[in-house]
C-alpha atoms as a PDB file:
ATOM      1  CA  MET A   1      11.347  -7.293 -20.704  1.00  0.00           C
ATOM      2  CA  SER A   2      12.153  -6.162 -16.975  1.00  0.00           C
ATOM      3  CA  ARG A   3       9.767  -5.094 -14.571  1.00  0.00           C
ATOM      4  CA  ILE A   4      10.131  -1.272 -13.891  1.00  0.00           C
ATOM      5  CA  ALA A   5       8.958  -1.055 -10.182  1.00  0.00           C
ATOM      6  CA  ALA A   6       9.045   2.773  -9.971  1.00  0.00           C
ATOM      7  CA  SER A   7       6.973   5.677 -11.524  1.00  0.00           C
ATOM      8  CA  GLN A   8       9.984   7.627 -12.760  1.00  0.00           C
ATOM      9  CA  VAL A   9      12.858   6.375 -14.684  1.00  0.00           C
ATOM     10  CA  SER A  10      16.251   7.857 -15.614  1.00  0.00           C
ATOM     11  CA  SER A  11      19.045   6.635 -17.507  1.00  0.00           C
ATOM     12  CA  ILE A  12      22.677   6.201 -16.361  1.00  0.00           C
ATOM     13  CA  SER A  13      23.358   9.022 -18.805  1.00  0.00           C
ATOM     14  CA  GLU A  14      21.010  11.312 -17.303  1.00  0.00           C
ATOM     15  CA  LEU A  15      22.249  10.129 -13.768  1.00  0.00           C
ATOM     16  CA  LYS A  16      25.687  11.409 -14.688  1.00  0.00           C
ATOM     17  CA  ARG A  17      24.632  14.724 -16.816  1.00  0.00           C
ATOM     18  CA  SER A  18      22.486  15.758 -13.771  1.00  0.00           C
ATOM     19  CA  PRO A  19      22.620  14.023 -10.669  1.00  0.00           C
ATOM     20  CA  ALA A  20      20.967  16.771  -8.146  1.00  0.00           C
ATOM     21  CA  ARG A  21      17.603  16.255 -10.471  1.00  0.00           C
ATOM     22  CA  VAL A  22      17.420  12.543 -10.407  1.00  0.00           C
ATOM     23  CA  ILE A  23      18.049  12.666  -6.658  1.00  0.00           C
ATOM     24  CA  GLU A  24      15.162  15.481  -6.417  1.00  0.00           C
ATOM     25  CA  ASP A  25      13.116  13.072  -8.067  1.00  0.00           C
ATOM     26  CA  ALA A  26      13.834  10.040  -6.167  1.00  0.00           C
ATOM     27  CA  ALA A  27      12.857  12.415  -2.876  1.00  0.00           C
ATOM     28  CA  GLU A  28       9.715  13.322  -4.497  1.00  0.00           C
ATOM     29  CA  GLU A  29       8.604  10.312  -5.843  1.00  0.00           C
ATOM     30  CA  GLY A  30      10.123   7.759  -3.574  1.00  0.00           C
ATOM     31  CA  ALA A  31      12.179   6.071  -6.088  1.00  0.00           C
ATOM     32  CA  VAL A  32      13.825   6.105  -9.198  1.00  0.00           C
ATOM     33  CA  ALA A  33      14.799   3.683 -11.643  1.00  0.00           C
ATOM     34  CA  ILE A  34      17.877   3.865 -13.458  1.00  0.00           C
ATOM     35  CA  LEU A  35      17.932   2.661 -16.813  1.00  0.00           C
ATOM     36  CA  SER A  36      21.048   0.949 -18.923  1.00  0.00           C
ATOM     37  CA  HIS A  37      19.943  -0.217 -22.524  1.00  0.00           C
ATOM     38  CA  ASN A  38      15.862   0.070 -21.191  1.00  0.00           C
ATOM     39  CA  LYS A  39      16.689  -2.499 -18.848  1.00  0.00           C
ATOM     40  CA  PRO A  40      16.451  -1.464 -14.916  1.00  0.00           C
ATOM     41  CA  VAL A  41      20.292  -1.748 -13.119  1.00  0.00           C
ATOM     42  CA  ALA A  42      19.442   0.176 -10.372  1.00  0.00           C
ATOM     43  CA  TYR A  43      16.630   2.225  -8.216  1.00  0.00           C
ATOM     44  CA  LEU A  44      17.387   5.256  -6.138  1.00  0.00           C
ATOM     45  CA  VAL A  45      15.044   5.676  -3.401  1.00  0.00           C
ATOM     46  CA  ASP A  46      14.558   8.214  -0.852  1.00  0.00           C
ATOM     47  CA  THR A  47      15.609   7.844   2.903  1.00  0.00           C
ATOM     48  CA  GLU A  48      12.197   7.141   3.996  1.00  0.00           C
ATOM     49  CA  THR A  49      11.414   4.554   1.666  1.00  0.00           C
ATOM     50  CA  TYR A  50      15.150   2.935   2.061  1.00  0.00           C
ATOM     51  CA  GLU A  51      14.244   2.788   6.137  1.00  0.00           C
ATOM     52  CA  ALA A  52      10.865   1.652   5.557  1.00  0.00           C
ATOM     53  CA  MET A  53      12.079  -1.527   3.297  1.00  0.00           C
ATOM     54  CA  LEU A  54      14.669  -2.123   6.075  1.00  0.00           C
ATOM     55  CA  ASP A  55      12.151  -2.288   9.002  1.00  0.00           C
ATOM     56  CA  ARG A  56      10.134  -4.833   6.645  1.00  0.00           C
ATOM     57  CA  LEU A  57      12.976  -7.063   6.130  1.00  0.00           C
ATOM     58  CA  GLU A  58      13.785  -7.204   9.606  1.00  0.00           C
ATOM     59  CA  ASP A  59       9.907  -8.011  10.554  1.00  0.00           C
ATOM     60  CA  TYR A  60      10.092 -11.277   7.914  1.00  0.00           C
ATOM     61  CA  GLU A  61      13.101 -12.057   9.104  1.00  0.00           C
ATOM     62  CA  ASP A  62      11.905 -12.376  12.532  1.00  0.00           C
ATOM     63  CA  MET A  63       8.451 -13.801  11.570  1.00  0.00           C
ATOM     64  CA  LYS A  64      10.386 -16.897   9.896  1.00  0.00           C
ATOM     65  CA  LYS A  65      12.346 -17.295  13.338  1.00  0.00           C
ATOM     66  CA  VAL A  66       8.919 -17.320  15.407  1.00  0.00           C
ATOM     67  CA  ILE A  67       7.449 -19.756  12.695  1.00  0.00           C
ATOM     68  CA  ALA A  68      10.271 -21.943  12.670  1.00  0.00           C
ATOM     69  CA  ARG A  69      10.186 -22.311  16.738  1.00  0.00           C
ATOM     70  CA  GLN A  70       6.590 -22.988  16.822  1.00  0.00           C
ATOM     71  CA  GLY A  71       6.046 -26.117  18.638  1.00  0.00           C
ATOM     72  CA  GLN A  72       9.112 -25.831  20.723  1.00  0.00           C
ATOM     73  CA  PRO A  73       9.008 -26.239  24.175  1.00  0.00           C
ATOM     74  CA  VAL A  74       8.675 -22.444  25.974  1.00  0.00           C
ATOM     75  CA  THR A  75      10.840 -21.449  29.169  1.00  0.00           C
ATOM     76  CA  HIS A  76       9.485 -19.110  31.358  1.00  0.00           C
ATOM     77  CA  VAL A  77      11.777 -16.713  33.149  1.00  0.00           C
ATOM     78  CA  THR A  78      11.404 -13.758  35.500  1.00  0.00           C
ATOM     79  CA  LEU A  79      13.020 -10.177  35.043  1.00  0.00           C
ATOM     80  CA  ASP A  80      15.110 -11.172  38.164  1.00  0.00           C
ATOM     81  CA  GLU A  81      16.487 -14.009  36.172  1.00  0.00           C
ATOM     82  CA  LEU A  82      16.847 -12.253  33.039  1.00  0.00           C
ATOM     83  CA  ASP A  83      18.951  -9.436  35.130  1.00  0.00           C
ATOM     84  CA  ASP A  84      21.364 -12.401  36.153  1.00  0.00           C
ATOM     85  CA  LEU A  85      22.427 -13.211  32.547  1.00  0.00           C
END
């Protein structure tokens, strides 16, 4: 069985029948798992949660770049040199 990573669940049928209620649940709870045949097929998340997820993904990608560049020579520049670029 698939793991459900939300405290609220809704079927696709319920989403079609009452989209406003499902969206309100997501806004209140942070996430709603949308189920089809008792398996999660999508998650509906509030904007705050979604934006936080994007920030964390961006931080993760930046950290991967930092780790990949460890040990490479460092180039020192002044602020004036940056203005010339």
